[in-house]
Structures are given as structure tokens and as C-alpha cells.
Amino acid sequence: MKIAVVGTGYVGLVTGTCLSETGNMVTCVDINEDKVTQLRNGQVPIYEPGLDVLLHRNTEQGRLRFTTNLAEAVADAQLIFLALPTPPGGDGAADLSYVLGAAEDIATIITDYKVVITKSTVPVGTADKVKAIFTQHTSVEVDVVSNPEFLREGVAVDDFMKPDRVVVGTTSERAQKLMSELYGPYVRQGNPIIFMDERSSELTKYAANSFLATKITFMNEIANVCELVGADVDAVRRGIGADDRIGKRFLFPGIGYGGSCFPKDVQALAKSADEIGYDFKLLNSVMEVNEIQKKVLFEKVKNYFYGNLAGKKFALWGLAFKPGTDDIREAPALYIIEELLHAGAQVVAFDPEAMPNVKRLLGDTISFSENAYDALNDADALLIATEWSVFRNPDFELVGKKLKNKVIFDGRNLYDLQKMIDLGFYYNSIGRKLIN
């Protein structure tokens, strides 16, 4: 099939590349000339495992191309994906200007039937707005479909190539047939393509992300209770996760959720509810708790040093909001850094992938290390903010020698409590016994 993908951000680039991997002819279009040039040269602007391999293979074999020319991209395309940013506005509502603007541009240049697919995360009713634009600006028949993405950063290629489900919102039989043909190769093992109306599809994405964010936040609250009553959150997690009504995933406590999806989507759903007169108390509480949780590790540090952090030096392992990505949007590490700097402390950070992004954001307000161990040199304590695999089994003897004090504050519960006792560390984690 001939496909155009408008937007080469995270979702657009993964979508276009993975669609080309099953033999489709895909043209990705973006207004950023530098990015398009970079992609034409095989340079992937984001870190996503496996994406570079697919991009190189499909560009070399002519199935994937990049352009800044929208008319050229959509001319022969049967399917047009809109994978554009929907950032939160000042009031928390999703900004649809990029999506609606692209729809208007496309409406003025198409000459034959198209299926226009909103891949961006958009509020309920967006498909109706996009459809109205085409009705206003062209007499060409257009079907507008909602097809939300469920890609996890760090494993997005696998998620696209082997989805647990594909959600498609359309009331058009013609569009449904084309979408079935498109996604058939990805669900050969029997996972479903779930067809529904457009509004239900749009709400499904927000509902899924908001529920997962709620699950994470609930476990963080349980962890805080565990610390107060002397319980072990790991034991509680295992106990409730064995219940198949609850499940094991998204039950690991930590220092709050971040990234490009959960914060934005929870906020947007709560705002959408507010606009129709519904007070979504649960989601408002989730957002409130998450903001507090992002600073829990800092409070532990502050208490340990009796509030005197001025002149102290802290090593920070992890900057990305999660492992497997260089994405620092709403990363808890940034909140920790902000609080430490405000308290007069110095920060030396290491992250396998996200340091360039943090350097662009923070400049020289903190220092960066070329490896995890050099960040520890003469530091008063080590803080862990991201659960990268490289941090899971370090040389603790070397860690102890490099640190000024054998003190670790672990926001991701990476280490065994008994082991830390045996090694003689002060070890403060989330929802577990304090090792002192």
C-alpha cells in the first residue's frame, strides 16, 4: 500500500518505518528541513532500540523516503497518517493546531479518495473536527479514522510489529477494509484488530494511559504507607500482583511517572472531563500525588543531611524518564536536580543516552560524567533516578571507594536489602526498610 505519514516525531517515525517493513511504500513528511536531511542520511534523531536497523534497511530498499513536500507525499497515498504533536496548552487541554492545520493543508491538495488517520493522541471529537475541515475545503471523498498508538518508549518497534491489539475507530466499511488489510501482517498470531466508532477509539487511548498512570500512582502511595508502618512494598507488590484481576505490571513503586504520554494524557482527559462539567476527582488526585512523588527522593536526601545541602556533591545515575530511551520530558530526575541546585548542592550526572538532551536543557548548571563510576568521585551520596540495566549490578566495592560516604538513595529499588546490609551501605529506597 502507498502511505504518507505527516510528522516525523517519535510516533510518526516509528509508525512510518515499521509500516515500510511489511512492504508498504511509505513517505514521511516534515517541515523541518534539517531533520529530513538527517533522516535521508540515515541518522535517527531519537534513541529507540532497533529503529535504526529498520530505517536503514527500508530506505536502502526504496520503501521508506523522507520529504518536506506535503503535496508530493500525499499525491499517490491511499492512507495518510497524521502523527503530529498535541502538546498541553496553558489550561491543560491538548493543542490541536498542528493536527487541524495539517488537515486543512491536505484538504486543499488532494484529488482522489483518501483515508486520513489520526495517529496522534487527540481528545474525543477530534475526528469530527478533522472531517469537518475536509467537508469544508474539498469535494473529494475522505474517510477520517482514529487509530491511537500504544507504543512504549524503549520497546516501540516490538510494540508496533507485534501489537497486543490494534484499535481502529471508523464507521466506514471502505476504510475498515483498508485498515484490516494494512494491519493484517502485524496480527497474524491472533491478536485482535478492535473496530469501534471514532469517539470511543479516541477515548480508549486516554483511558488506557490514565489507568496505567493511576496504577503506578496507587503503588507509590502504598510504598509511602509501607515506610510509615514498617512494611515491605516488594512483598506487598508480589502479593497483589499474583491476583490476575490486578496483574504484575505497573506495580513497581518509584519517584513518579514522566515521559511524553502519561503526564499529558492524564491532564488532557481531566481537562476534557472538566469542559463537559465532570469533576474527574481520581485523575486530579493522581496528578497531585505524582508531583509530590517526584520529590520524595530529594526529601530523603534533605532529611539525611539535616537540611544542609549547600556545598554537598551528589552523583546522579539516570536522567531519562525510563530506561531504553533518551526522552527527558517530565523526567523525575529533572525535578530532583532542580531541588538540589536550589539547595546549593552540586550534581554530577550519568545516563547512557539522555545526557545530550539534558545538556541542551540545563547547560553547565550541572556536570556530566563519561561513565557511571567517574560520577561518584568524592560525592557525598549516590542518587538513582532511572533503572537502566547498567546500574543493576555495579561493582559495589568500587562504588564505596569512590563515594565520600557509602550512602545511596535509590528511587527505583534496584538492590537487594540484605546485600546492602552486608556491604555496609546506608541505603534508602522507596517503600522498603531503611538500611542504616
Protein backbone atom coordinates (compact mmCIF):
# COMPACT_ATOMS: atom_id res chain seq x y z
CA MET A 1 0.00 0.00 0.00
CA LYS A 2 1.08 3.61 -0.55
CA ILE A 3 1.17 5.56 2.67
CA ALA A 4 2.05 9.09 3.79
CA VAL A 5 2.99 9.87 7.37
CA VAL A 6 2.79 13.55 8.29
CA GLY A 7 5.21 14.27 11.12
CA THR A 8 8.49 12.54 11.94
CA GLY A 9 8.44 12.83 15.69
CA TYR A 10 8.56 9.77 17.91
CA VAL A 11 5.22 8.33 16.82
CA GLY A 12 5.48 9.30 13.17
CA LEU A 13 8.99 7.95 12.68
CA VAL A 14 8.26 4.63 14.36
CA THR A 15 4.95 4.29 12.51
CA GLY A 16 6.37 5.09 9.08
CA THR A 17 9.43 2.91 9.50
CA CYS A 18 7.51 -0.10 10.80
CA LEU A 19 4.85 0.19 8.11
CA SER A 20 7.57 0.09 5.45
CA GLU A 21 9.00 -3.09 7.00
CA THR A 22 5.99 -5.12 5.76
CA GLY A 23 6.38 -3.99 2.16
CA ASN A 24 4.35 -0.79 2.12
CA MET A 25 5.67 2.22 0.23
CA VAL A 26 5.91 4.96 2.86
CA THR A 27 6.71 8.64 2.50
CA CYS A 28 7.30 10.57 5.72
CA VAL A 29 6.91 14.34 5.50
CA ASP A 30 8.10 17.01 7.92
CA ILE A 31 8.52 20.80 7.72
CA ASN A 32 11.90 20.60 9.48
CA GLU A 33 14.43 20.55 6.63
CA ASP A 34 17.37 19.72 8.90
CA LYS A 35 15.57 16.70 10.33
CA VAL A 36 14.57 15.46 6.87
CA THR A 37 18.15 15.80 5.67
CA GLN A 38 19.34 13.93 8.74
CA LEU A 39 16.86 11.10 8.12
CA ARG A 40 17.78 10.88 4.45
CA ASN A 41 21.36 10.38 5.58
CA GLY A 42 20.31 7.52 7.85
CA GLN A 43 20.69 9.45 11.10
CA VAL A 44 17.91 8.67 13.58
CA PRO A 45 17.23 11.74 15.76
CA ILE A 46 15.84 9.72 18.70
CA TYR A 47 17.16 6.76 20.65
CA GLU A 48 14.84 3.82 20.19
CA PRO A 49 16.34 0.30 20.12
CA GLY A 50 16.07 -1.38 16.73
CA LEU A 51 14.64 1.62 14.90
CA ASP A 52 17.89 2.48 13.14
CA VAL A 53 18.19 -1.03 11.68
CA LEU A 54 14.70 -0.92 10.16
CA LEU A 55 15.14 2.62 8.90
CA HIS A 56 18.41 1.84 7.14
CA ARG A 57 17.05 -1.35 5.58
CA ASN A 58 13.88 0.19 4.24
CA THR A 59 15.43 3.40 2.93
CA GLU A 60 18.11 1.40 1.12
CA GLN A 61 15.45 -0.82 -0.45
CA GLY A 62 13.33 2.14 -1.52
CA ARG A 63 10.28 1.50 0.65
CA LEU A 64 10.85 4.44 3.01
CA ARG A 65 11.59 8.01 2.00
CA PHE A 66 11.55 11.44 3.59
CA THR A 67 10.49 14.80 2.18
CA THR A 68 9.42 18.32 3.13
CA ASN A 69 6.93 18.42 0.26
CA LEU A 70 3.44 17.63 1.57
CA ALA A 71 1.81 17.56 -1.86
CA GLU A 72 4.40 15.08 -3.11
CA ALA A 73 3.91 12.87 -0.04
CA VAL A 74 0.12 12.61 -0.24
CA ALA A 75 -0.41 12.62 -4.02
CA ASP A 76 -0.48 8.84 -4.51
CA ALA A 77 -1.09 7.80 -0.91
CA GLN A 78 -4.15 5.72 -0.12
CA LEU A 79 -3.66 6.24 3.60
CA ILE A 80 -2.46 9.46 5.25
CA PHE A 81 -1.38 9.25 8.90
CA LEU A 82 -1.38 12.44 10.99
CA ALA A 83 1.35 11.93 13.59
CA LEU A 84 1.73 15.46 14.86
CA PRO A 85 2.33 16.98 18.30
CA THR A 86 -0.64 17.63 20.59
CA PRO A 87 1.12 19.44 23.46
CA PRO A 88 -0.81 20.62 26.50
CA GLY A 89 -1.89 24.22 26.37
CA GLY A 90 -1.78 26.59 29.30
CA ASP A 91 -5.06 25.19 30.61
CA GLY A 92 -4.00 21.54 30.22
CA ALA A 93 -6.13 20.87 27.15
CA ALA A 94 -4.46 19.25 24.13
CA ASP A 95 -3.40 21.74 21.47
CA LEU A 96 -4.86 20.53 18.15
CA SER A 97 -3.47 23.31 15.98
CA TYR A 98 -0.86 21.10 14.31
CA VAL A 99 -3.35 18.32 13.52
CA LEU A 100 -6.08 20.61 12.25
CA GLY A 101 -3.61 22.76 10.32
CA ALA A 102 -2.20 19.72 8.52
CA ALA A 103 -5.73 18.51 7.73
CA GLU A 104 -6.56 21.85 6.13
CA ASP A 105 -3.35 21.80 4.08
CA ILE A 106 -4.09 18.26 2.86
CA ALA A 107 -7.69 19.14 2.03
CA THR A 108 -6.55 21.77 -0.47
CA ILE A 109 -4.29 19.45 -2.47
CA ILE A 110 -5.93 16.01 -2.67
CA THR A 111 -7.72 14.94 -5.83
CA ASP A 112 -8.98 11.43 -5.08
CA TYR A 113 -10.31 9.30 -2.21
CA LYS A 114 -8.12 9.17 0.89
CA VAL A 115 -8.26 7.65 4.34
CA VAL A 116 -6.90 10.21 6.80
CA ILE A 117 -5.85 8.60 10.08
CA THR A 118 -5.26 10.46 13.34
CA LYS A 119 -2.33 8.65 14.95
CA SER A 120 -1.65 11.45 17.41
CA THR A 121 -3.24 11.24 20.84
CA VAL A 122 -6.24 13.54 20.49
CA PRO A 123 -9.32 14.44 22.56
CA VAL A 124 -12.71 12.94 21.91
CA GLY A 125 -14.34 14.64 18.94
CA THR A 126 -11.13 15.38 17.03
CA ALA A 127 -12.06 13.05 14.14
CA ASP A 128 -15.28 15.03 13.76
CA LYS A 129 -13.29 18.27 13.60
CA VAL A 130 -10.90 16.84 11.02
CA LYS A 131 -13.82 15.54 8.96
CA ALA A 132 -15.47 18.98 9.06
CA ILE A 133 -12.30 20.55 7.66
CA PHE A 134 -12.32 18.19 4.68
CA THR A 135 -16.02 18.75 4.12
CA GLN A 136 -15.43 22.50 4.10
CA HIS A 137 -12.35 22.58 1.86
CA THR A 138 -12.79 19.76 -0.68
CA SER A 139 -15.44 17.82 -2.53
CA VAL A 140 -13.15 14.77 -2.66
CA GLU A 141 -14.41 11.82 -0.61
CA VAL A 142 -12.38 11.38 2.59
CA ASP A 143 -12.79 8.95 5.46
CA VAL A 144 -11.32 10.09 8.78
CA VAL A 145 -10.17 7.27 11.05
CA SER A 146 -8.93 7.27 14.64
CA ASN A 147 -6.03 4.86 15.18
CA PRO A 148 -4.34 5.59 18.53
CA GLU A 149 -0.84 4.35 19.18
CA PHE A 150 0.13 2.22 22.18
CA LEU A 151 3.90 2.38 21.84
CA ARG A 152 6.13 2.09 24.89
CA GLU A 153 9.34 4.04 24.56
CA GLY A 154 12.29 1.67 24.62
CA VAL A 155 10.32 -1.19 23.04
CA ALA A 156 8.29 0.75 20.46
CA VAL A 157 9.48 -1.27 17.47
CA ASP A 158 8.38 -4.53 19.07
CA ASP A 159 5.11 -2.96 20.15
CA PHE A 160 4.33 -1.90 16.59
CA MET A 161 5.49 -5.06 14.87
CA LYS A 162 3.78 -7.37 17.40
CA PRO A 163 0.91 -5.39 18.94
CA ASP A 164 -1.25 -6.92 21.65
CA ARG A 165 -4.17 -5.15 19.96
CA VAL A 166 -4.85 -2.57 17.27
CA VAL A 167 -7.64 -0.08 17.93
CA VAL A 168 -9.36 1.48 14.92
CA GLY A 169 -12.19 3.97 15.11
CA THR A 170 -14.28 4.22 11.94
CA THR A 171 -17.87 3.90 10.79
CA SER A 172 -16.83 3.49 7.13
CA GLU A 173 -16.81 -0.05 5.72
CA ARG A 174 -14.44 1.06 2.98
CA ALA A 175 -11.94 2.46 5.49
CA GLN A 176 -12.33 -0.58 7.75
CA LYS A 177 -11.40 -2.87 4.88
CA LEU A 178 -8.25 -0.88 4.11
CA MET A 179 -7.22 -0.75 7.76
CA SER A 180 -7.73 -4.51 8.07
CA GLU A 181 -5.51 -5.04 5.05
CA LEU A 182 -2.86 -2.69 6.45
CA TYR A 183 -2.64 -4.28 9.90
CA GLY A 184 -3.21 -7.89 8.89
CA PRO A 185 0.53 -8.73 8.74
CA TYR A 186 1.02 -7.46 12.31
CA VAL A 187 -1.66 -9.61 13.97
CA ARG A 188 -1.11 -12.98 12.32
CA GLN A 189 -0.74 -14.65 15.71
CA GLY A 190 -4.33 -13.83 16.53
CA ASN A 191 -4.18 -10.59 18.49
CA PRO A 192 -7.23 -8.51 17.65
CA ILE A 193 -7.92 -5.52 15.49
CA ILE A 194 -10.68 -3.89 17.52
CA PHE A 195 -13.04 -1.76 15.45
CA MET A 196 -15.26 0.81 17.12
CA ASP A 197 -16.63 4.29 16.50
CA GLU A 198 -14.22 7.21 16.28
CA ARG A 199 -15.07 8.79 19.63
CA SER A 200 -14.69 5.52 21.52
CA SER A 201 -11.32 4.99 19.86
CA GLU A 202 -10.12 8.44 20.87
CA LEU A 203 -11.20 7.90 24.45
CA THR A 204 -9.62 4.43 24.58
CA LYS A 205 -6.12 5.89 24.34
CA TYR A 206 -6.66 8.40 27.12
CA ALA A 207 -8.38 5.80 29.27
CA ALA A 208 -5.53 3.30 28.85
CA ASN A 209 -2.74 5.73 29.74
CA SER A 210 -4.70 7.29 32.58
CA PHE A 211 -5.41 3.88 34.10
CA LEU A 212 -1.74 2.89 33.94
CA ALA A 213 -0.71 6.20 35.49
CA THR A 214 -3.27 5.61 38.22
CA LYS A 215 -1.90 2.12 38.85
CA ILE A 216 1.64 3.49 39.21
CA THR A 217 0.47 6.27 41.49
CA PHE A 218 -1.51 3.90 43.69
CA MET A 219 1.59 1.77 44.19
CA ASN A 220 3.63 4.84 45.07
CA GLU A 221 1.07 5.70 47.72
CA ILE A 222 1.25 2.14 49.06
CA ALA A 223 5.05 2.46 49.19
CA ASN A 224 4.76 5.62 51.26
CA VAL A 225 2.41 3.86 53.66
CA CYS A 226 4.84 0.92 53.86
CA GLU A 227 7.60 3.20 55.08
CA LEU A 228 5.37 4.59 57.81
CA VAL A 229 4.15 1.23 59.11
CA GLY A 230 7.33 -0.81 58.60
CA ALA A 231 6.02 -2.99 55.76
CA ASP A 232 7.97 -4.04 52.64
CA VAL A 233 6.50 -2.74 49.38
CA ASP A 234 8.19 -5.52 47.40
CA ALA A 235 6.27 -8.13 49.40
CA VAL A 236 3.03 -6.19 49.00
CA ARG A 237 3.63 -5.84 45.26
CA ARG A 238 4.15 -9.57 44.85
CA GLY A 239 1.12 -10.31 46.98
CA ILE A 240 -1.31 -8.20 44.98
CA GLY A 241 0.35 -8.78 41.59
CA ALA A 242 -0.36 -12.51 41.84
CA ASP A 243 -4.07 -11.66 41.62
CA ASP A 244 -4.82 -11.90 37.90
CA ARG A 245 -7.52 -9.26 38.30
CA ILE A 246 -4.73 -6.82 39.16
CA GLY A 247 -1.72 -8.19 37.28
CA LYS A 248 2.01 -7.80 37.88
CA ARG A 249 2.78 -4.90 35.54
CA PHE A 250 2.97 -1.23 36.53
CA LEU A 251 3.17 -2.09 40.22
CA PHE A 252 6.78 -1.08 40.81
CA PRO A 253 6.99 1.93 43.11
CA GLY A 254 9.36 4.76 42.37
CA ILE A 255 9.68 8.51 42.06
CA GLY A 256 6.71 9.23 39.83
CA TYR A 257 5.79 8.74 36.20
CA GLY A 258 7.08 11.00 33.43
CA GLY A 259 7.61 10.96 29.69
CA SER A 260 5.64 12.32 26.78
CA CYS A 261 2.39 10.40 27.30
CA PHE A 262 1.22 9.82 30.85
CA PRO A 263 1.51 13.40 32.19
CA LYS A 264 0.00 14.94 29.07
CA ASP A 265 -2.77 12.38 28.62
CA VAL A 266 -3.90 12.34 32.26
CA GLN A 267 -4.02 16.12 32.23
CA ALA A 268 -5.89 16.24 28.92
CA LEU A 269 -8.52 13.69 29.99
CA ALA A 270 -9.13 15.53 33.26
CA LYS A 271 -9.44 18.81 31.33
CA SER A 272 -11.80 17.27 28.77
CA ALA A 273 -13.97 15.99 31.59
CA ASP A 274 -13.97 19.41 33.21
CA GLU A 275 -15.10 21.01 29.95
CA ILE A 276 -18.23 18.87 29.93
CA GLY A 277 -18.93 19.58 33.58
CA TYR A 278 -17.49 16.42 35.12
CA ASP A 279 -15.04 16.63 38.01
CA PHE A 280 -12.66 13.69 37.47
CA LYS A 281 -11.56 13.53 41.09
CA LEU A 282 -9.46 10.39 40.69
CA LEU A 283 -7.27 11.80 37.92
CA ASN A 284 -6.87 15.12 39.69
CA SER A 285 -5.59 13.19 42.71
CA VAL A 286 -3.26 11.13 40.51
CA MET A 287 -1.65 14.31 39.15
CA GLU A 288 -1.32 15.80 42.64
CA VAL A 289 0.27 12.67 44.10
CA ASN A 290 2.66 12.31 41.16
CA GLU A 291 4.00 15.84 41.61
CA ILE A 292 4.71 15.08 45.26
CA GLN A 293 6.28 11.70 44.45
CA LYS A 294 8.82 13.25 42.08
CA LYS A 295 10.40 14.99 45.06
CA VAL A 296 10.32 12.08 47.52
CA LEU A 297 13.96 11.15 46.88
CA PHE A 298 15.09 14.73 47.40
CA GLU A 299 13.25 14.87 50.71
CA LYS A 300 15.06 11.70 51.81
CA VAL A 301 18.39 13.31 50.92
CA LYS A 302 17.46 16.54 52.67
CA ASN A 303 16.47 14.74 55.85
CA TYR A 304 19.64 12.65 55.92
CA PHE A 305 21.82 15.78 55.74
CA TYR A 306 19.63 17.66 58.25
CA GLY A 307 18.60 20.19 55.62
CA ASN A 308 22.16 21.35 54.95
CA LEU A 309 22.90 20.55 51.29
CA ALA A 310 24.87 23.68 50.40
CA GLY A 311 28.27 22.69 49.03
CA LYS A 312 27.42 18.99 49.01
CA LYS A 313 28.19 16.99 45.87
CA PHE A 314 25.78 14.35 44.60
CA ALA A 315 26.22 11.71 41.93
CA LEU A 316 23.05 11.08 39.93
CA TRP A 317 22.59 7.90 37.92
CA GLY A 318 19.84 8.22 35.35
CA LEU A 319 18.27 11.19 33.59
CA ALA A 320 15.75 9.69 31.13
CA PHE A 321 12.23 9.23 32.42
CA LYS A 322 12.63 5.48 31.89
CA PRO A 323 15.33 3.10 30.59
CA GLY A 324 15.60 2.39 26.88
CA THR A 325 15.05 5.97 25.75
CA ASP A 326 16.72 9.38 25.68
CA ASP A 327 13.42 11.10 26.43
CA ILE A 328 13.62 13.51 29.39
CA ARG A 329 10.16 15.02 29.15
CA GLU A 330 8.71 15.24 32.66
CA ALA A 331 11.59 13.06 33.90
CA PRO A 332 11.67 12.83 37.72
CA ALA A 333 15.45 13.32 37.58
CA LEU A 334 14.93 16.90 36.40
CA TYR A 335 12.82 17.70 39.45
CA ILE A 336 15.47 16.21 41.73
CA ILE A 337 18.19 18.24 40.03
CA GLU A 338 16.15 21.42 40.36
CA GLU A 339 15.68 20.90 44.10
CA LEU A 340 19.35 20.03 44.69
CA LEU A 341 20.60 23.08 42.82
CA HIS A 342 18.13 25.31 44.64
CA ALA A 343 19.53 23.97 47.91
CA GLY A 344 23.07 24.90 46.86
CA ALA A 345 24.31 21.39 46.01
CA GLN A 346 26.43 20.25 43.08
CA VAL A 347 25.25 17.47 40.74
CA VAL A 348 27.35 15.15 38.58
CA ALA A 349 25.13 13.03 36.34
CA PHE A 350 25.48 10.00 34.12
CA ASP A 351 22.93 8.45 31.77
CA PRO A 352 23.69 6.06 28.90
CA GLU A 353 21.56 8.01 26.38
CA ALA A 354 19.91 11.13 27.76
CA MET A 355 22.88 13.36 28.65
CA PRO A 356 22.91 15.33 25.36
CA ASN A 357 19.26 16.27 25.86
CA VAL A 358 19.87 17.39 29.45
CA LYS A 359 22.94 19.36 28.38
CA ARG A 360 20.82 21.26 25.88
CA LEU A 361 18.26 21.96 28.60
CA LEU A 362 20.44 22.75 31.62
CA GLY A 363 23.75 23.78 30.08
CA ASP A 364 26.58 23.92 32.61
CA THR A 365 24.40 24.14 35.72
CA ILE A 366 25.33 20.52 36.43
CA SER A 367 28.29 18.36 35.44
CA PHE A 368 28.26 15.20 33.37
CA SER A 369 30.44 12.10 33.57
CA GLU A 370 31.62 9.88 30.73
CA ASN A 371 30.81 6.79 32.78
CA ALA A 372 28.82 5.84 35.84
CA TYR A 373 31.80 5.36 38.17
CA ASP A 374 33.53 8.67 37.46
CA ALA A 375 30.36 10.45 38.54
CA LEU A 376 30.92 9.05 42.04
CA ASN A 377 34.31 10.66 42.66
CA ASP A 378 34.26 12.31 46.11
CA ALA A 379 30.43 12.57 46.07
CA ASP A 380 28.58 12.79 49.35
CA ALA A 381 25.97 10.31 48.09
CA LEU A 382 24.67 8.48 45.05
CA LEU A 383 21.11 9.05 43.83
CA ILE A 384 19.46 6.67 41.34
CA ALA A 385 16.61 8.06 39.22
CA THR A 386 16.38 5.68 36.23
CA GLU A 387 16.51 1.87 36.28
CA TRP A 388 18.95 1.32 33.41
CA SER A 389 20.28 -2.24 33.27
CA VAL A 390 23.85 -0.99 33.55
CA PHE A 391 23.06 0.23 37.09
CA ARG A 392 21.59 -3.06 38.32
CA ASN A 393 24.77 -4.92 39.21
CA PRO A 394 27.59 -2.43 39.79
CA ASP A 395 30.96 -3.03 41.40
CA PHE A 396 29.90 -2.06 44.92
CA GLU A 397 33.44 -2.19 46.21
CA LEU A 398 34.43 0.47 43.67
CA VAL A 399 31.27 2.45 44.41
CA GLY A 400 32.13 2.50 48.11
CA LYS A 401 35.73 3.59 47.45
CA LYS A 402 34.77 6.45 45.12
CA LEU A 403 31.99 7.90 47.26
CA LYS A 404 32.95 10.14 50.16
CA ASN A 405 30.32 8.28 52.18
CA LYS A 406 28.80 4.86 51.47
CA VAL A 407 25.34 6.40 51.00
CA ILE A 408 22.82 5.52 48.28
CA PHE A 409 19.33 6.91 47.73
CA ASP A 410 17.60 4.59 45.27
CA GLY A 411 14.43 5.86 43.60
CA ARG A 412 13.97 2.62 41.64
CA ASN A 413 14.60 -0.10 44.25
CA LEU A 414 17.37 -1.77 42.26
CA TYR A 415 19.26 -3.53 45.02
CA ASP A 416 18.65 -6.34 47.49
CA LEU A 417 18.29 -5.10 51.05
CA GLN A 418 20.28 -7.88 52.67
CA LYS A 419 23.13 -7.37 50.22
CA MET A 420 23.30 -3.68 51.06
CA ILE A 421 23.42 -4.56 54.77
CA ASP A 422 26.28 -6.98 54.17
CA LEU A 423 28.16 -4.35 52.14
CA GLY A 424 27.82 -1.73 54.84
CA PHE A 425 25.94 0.92 52.88
CA TYR A 426 23.40 3.40 54.12
CA TYR A 427 20.65 2.51 51.64
CA ASN A 428 17.38 4.42 51.41
CA SER A 429 14.89 3.20 48.79
CA ILE A 430 11.14 3.51 48.16
CA GLY A 431 8.67 1.74 50.46
CA ARG A 432 11.25 -0.62 51.94
CA LYS A 433 13.24 -0.98 55.15
CA LEU A 434 15.87 1.67 55.68
CA ILE A 435 19.38 0.19 55.74
CA ASN A 436 21.48 2.27 58.13
